[in-house]
């Protein structure tokens, strides 16, 4: 028989099967139960907005210095 493929796999189907504990990553990709209700289970993979903002400000300052130097103005 055919074992299936990537196009036939769905974490939603894993969530509904009784053997879901046998799948690696089942607790993150197919959460069930009260423990995950209302929680952001992917908190570790999201970037923080303040970190991005600091990087943007740093780049803007560098661009302003480069522009001032190119125009012959004091930085």
N, C-alpha and C. Protein backbone atom coordinates (compact mmCIF):
# COMPACT_ATOMS: atom_id res chain seq x y z
N UNK A 1 0.80 -1.19 0.00
CA UNK A 1 0.00 0.00 0.00
C UNK A 1 0.85 1.25 0.00
N UNK A 2 0.19 2.31 -0.16
CA UNK A 2 0.81 3.63 -0.19
C UNK A 2 0.84 4.20 1.22
N UNK A 3 1.98 4.69 1.63
CA UNK A 3 2.12 5.26 2.97
C UNK A 3 1.69 6.71 3.02
N UNK A 4 1.35 7.30 1.92
CA UNK A 4 0.95 8.70 1.92
C UNK A 4 2.14 9.60 1.68
N UNK A 5 1.88 10.86 1.61
CA UNK A 5 2.95 11.80 1.34
C UNK A 5 2.70 13.11 2.06
N UNK A 6 3.54 14.05 1.77
CA UNK A 6 3.47 15.35 2.41
C UNK A 6 2.15 16.06 2.13
N UNK A 7 1.62 15.85 0.93
CA UNK A 7 0.36 16.51 0.58
C UNK A 7 -0.84 15.91 1.30
N UNK A 8 -0.70 14.71 1.86
CA UNK A 8 -1.80 14.06 2.56
C UNK A 8 -1.71 14.23 4.07
N UNK A 9 -0.63 14.81 4.57
CA UNK A 9 -0.43 14.96 6.01
C UNK A 9 -1.01 16.28 6.49
N UNK A 10 -1.63 16.25 7.65
CA UNK A 10 -2.18 17.46 8.24
C UNK A 10 -2.10 17.35 9.76
N UNK A 11 -1.62 18.40 10.41
CA UNK A 11 -1.55 18.40 11.86
C UNK A 11 -2.95 18.39 12.47
N UNK A 12 -3.93 18.89 11.75
CA UNK A 12 -5.30 18.84 12.25
C UNK A 12 -5.79 17.40 12.35
N UNK A 13 -5.38 16.57 11.42
CA UNK A 13 -5.73 15.15 11.49
C UNK A 13 -5.02 14.47 12.65
N UNK A 14 -3.77 14.86 12.91
CA UNK A 14 -3.02 14.31 14.03
C UNK A 14 -3.71 14.68 15.34
N UNK A 15 -4.21 15.89 15.41
CA UNK A 15 -4.89 16.37 16.62
C UNK A 15 -6.08 15.48 16.97
N UNK A 16 -6.75 14.94 15.96
CA UNK A 16 -7.95 14.15 16.17
C UNK A 16 -7.70 12.66 16.37
N UNK A 17 -6.51 12.18 16.05
CA UNK A 17 -6.25 10.75 16.17
C UNK A 17 -5.88 10.38 17.60
N UNK A 18 -6.18 9.14 17.98
CA UNK A 18 -5.89 8.71 19.35
C UNK A 18 -4.40 8.41 19.55
N UNK A 19 -3.65 8.24 18.47
CA UNK A 19 -2.22 7.94 18.56
C UNK A 19 -1.36 9.18 18.37
N UNK A 20 -1.88 10.35 18.68
CA UNK A 20 -1.15 11.59 18.43
C UNK A 20 0.13 11.71 19.24
N UNK A 21 0.23 11.02 20.37
CA UNK A 21 1.44 11.10 21.20
C UNK A 21 2.65 10.48 20.52
N UNK A 22 2.44 9.68 19.49
CA UNK A 22 3.55 9.03 18.80
C UNK A 22 4.21 9.91 17.75
N UNK A 23 3.63 11.06 17.47
CA UNK A 23 4.19 11.98 16.48
C UNK A 23 5.15 12.93 17.17
N UNK A 24 6.35 13.07 16.60
CA UNK A 24 7.29 14.05 17.13
C UNK A 24 6.74 15.44 16.89
N UNK A 25 6.73 16.27 17.92
CA UNK A 25 6.23 17.62 17.78
C UNK A 25 4.73 17.74 17.98
N UNK A 26 4.08 16.69 18.46
CA UNK A 26 2.63 16.74 18.60
C UNK A 26 2.18 17.77 19.61
N UNK A 27 2.95 18.02 20.65
CA UNK A 27 2.51 18.96 21.68
C UNK A 27 2.55 20.40 21.19
N UNK A 28 3.37 20.69 20.19
CA UNK A 28 3.45 22.05 19.67
C UNK A 28 2.60 22.22 18.42
N UNK A 29 2.68 21.28 17.52
CA UNK A 29 1.99 21.42 16.23
C UNK A 29 0.52 20.99 16.28
N UNK A 30 0.17 20.14 17.22
CA UNK A 30 -1.22 19.68 17.32
C UNK A 30 -1.66 19.73 18.78
N UNK A 31 -1.70 20.92 19.37
CA UNK A 31 -2.02 21.02 20.80
C UNK A 31 -3.48 20.68 21.06
N UNK A 32 -3.69 19.94 22.14
CA UNK A 32 -5.05 19.63 22.57
C UNK A 32 -5.10 19.77 24.08
N UNK A 33 -6.27 20.02 24.59
CA UNK A 33 -6.44 20.10 26.03
C UNK A 33 -6.53 21.52 26.53
N UNK A 34 -6.74 21.63 27.83
CA UNK A 34 -6.93 22.94 28.45
C UNK A 34 -5.64 23.72 28.59
N UNK A 35 -4.49 23.05 28.65
CA UNK A 35 -3.23 23.74 28.90
C UNK A 35 -2.90 24.74 27.80
N UNK A 36 -3.35 24.51 26.58
CA UNK A 36 -2.98 25.38 25.47
C UNK A 36 -4.03 26.42 25.15
N UNK A 37 -5.17 26.39 25.83
CA UNK A 37 -6.26 27.32 25.52
C UNK A 37 -5.84 28.76 25.85
N UNK A 38 -5.85 29.62 24.87
CA UNK A 38 -5.52 31.02 25.09
C UNK A 38 -4.04 31.32 25.23
N UNK A 39 -3.18 30.37 24.96
CA UNK A 39 -1.74 30.58 25.09
C UNK A 39 -1.09 30.72 23.72
N UNK A 40 -0.04 31.50 23.69
CA UNK A 40 0.75 31.63 22.47
C UNK A 40 1.87 30.60 22.54
N UNK A 41 1.66 29.46 21.92
CA UNK A 41 2.64 28.38 22.06
C UNK A 41 3.85 28.55 21.16
N UNK A 42 3.84 29.56 20.30
CA UNK A 42 5.00 29.85 19.45
C UNK A 42 5.69 31.13 19.89
N UNK A 43 5.63 31.48 21.18
CA UNK A 43 6.19 32.72 21.69
C UNK A 43 7.69 32.80 21.44
N UNK A 44 8.38 31.69 21.46
CA UNK A 44 9.83 31.68 21.34
C UNK A 44 10.31 31.98 19.92
N UNK A 45 9.45 31.81 18.93
CA UNK A 45 9.88 32.00 17.55
C UNK A 45 9.53 33.37 16.98
N UNK A 46 8.91 34.21 17.77
CA UNK A 46 8.52 35.53 17.29
C UNK A 46 9.53 36.58 17.73
N UNK A 47 9.84 37.48 16.82
CA UNK A 47 10.78 38.55 17.14
C UNK A 47 10.06 39.64 17.92
N UNK A 48 10.80 40.28 18.76
CA UNK A 48 10.22 41.37 19.54
C UNK A 48 10.25 42.66 18.74
N UNK A 49 9.20 43.44 18.85
CA UNK A 49 9.07 44.69 18.09
C UNK A 49 10.13 45.70 18.50
N UNK A 50 10.46 45.78 19.80
CA UNK A 50 11.45 46.75 20.25
C UNK A 50 12.84 46.42 19.71
N UNK A 51 13.13 45.16 19.53
CA UNK A 51 14.42 44.76 18.97
C UNK A 51 14.51 45.21 17.51
N UNK A 52 13.44 45.04 16.77
CA UNK A 52 13.43 45.47 15.38
C UNK A 52 13.52 46.99 15.29
N UNK A 53 12.83 47.69 16.16
CA UNK A 53 12.83 49.15 16.13
C UNK A 53 14.22 49.70 16.41
N UNK A 54 14.95 49.10 17.33
CA UNK A 54 16.31 49.55 17.63
C UNK A 54 17.22 49.38 16.42
N UNK A 55 17.06 48.29 15.71
CA UNK A 55 17.87 48.05 14.51
C UNK A 55 17.53 49.06 13.42
N UNK A 56 16.27 49.38 13.27
CA UNK A 56 15.85 50.37 12.27
C UNK A 56 16.42 51.74 12.59
N UNK A 57 16.38 52.14 13.86
CA UNK A 57 16.93 53.44 14.27
C UNK A 57 18.44 53.49 14.01
N UNK A 58 19.13 52.40 14.28
CA UNK A 58 20.58 52.35 14.04
C UNK A 58 20.88 52.53 12.55
N UNK A 59 20.13 51.85 11.70
CA UNK A 59 20.34 51.98 10.25
C UNK A 59 20.03 53.39 9.75
N UNK A 60 18.99 54.01 10.28
CA UNK A 60 18.64 55.37 9.87
C UNK A 60 19.74 56.35 10.25
N UNK A 61 20.33 56.16 11.43
CA UNK A 61 21.42 57.04 11.87
C UNK A 61 22.64 56.87 10.96
N UNK A 62 22.96 55.63 10.59
CA UNK A 62 24.08 55.38 9.70
C UNK A 62 23.84 56.01 8.33
N UNK A 63 22.62 55.90 7.83
CA UNK A 63 22.29 56.49 6.53
C UNK A 63 22.37 58.01 6.58
N UNK A 64 21.94 58.60 7.67
CA UNK A 64 22.00 60.06 7.81
C UNK A 64 23.45 60.54 7.83
N UNK A 65 24.32 59.81 8.54
CA UNK A 65 25.75 60.18 8.57
C UNK A 65 26.36 60.05 7.18
N UNK A 66 26.04 58.97 6.47
CA UNK A 66 26.59 58.76 5.13
C UNK A 66 26.11 59.84 4.17
N UNK A 67 24.85 60.24 4.27
CA UNK A 67 24.31 61.29 3.42
C UNK A 67 24.97 62.63 3.72
N UNK A 68 25.15 62.94 5.00
CA UNK A 68 25.79 64.20 5.38
C UNK A 68 27.23 64.23 4.88
N UNK A 69 27.92 63.11 4.98
CA UNK A 69 29.31 63.04 4.51
C UNK A 69 29.37 63.20 2.99
N UNK A 70 28.43 62.57 2.28
CA UNK A 70 28.41 62.66 0.82
C UNK A 70 28.11 64.08 0.36
N UNK A 71 27.32 64.83 1.12
CA UNK A 71 26.98 66.20 0.77
C UNK A 71 28.01 67.21 1.27
N UNK A 72 29.02 66.73 1.99
CA UNK A 72 30.07 67.60 2.48
C UNK A 72 29.69 68.37 3.73
N UNK A 73 28.66 67.94 4.40
CA UNK A 73 28.23 68.60 5.64
C UNK A 73 28.88 67.90 6.82
N UNK A 74 28.95 68.62 7.93
CA UNK A 74 29.53 68.02 9.13
C UNK A 74 28.57 66.96 9.67
N UNK A 75 29.09 65.79 10.01
CA UNK A 75 28.22 64.73 10.52
C UNK A 75 27.67 65.01 11.92
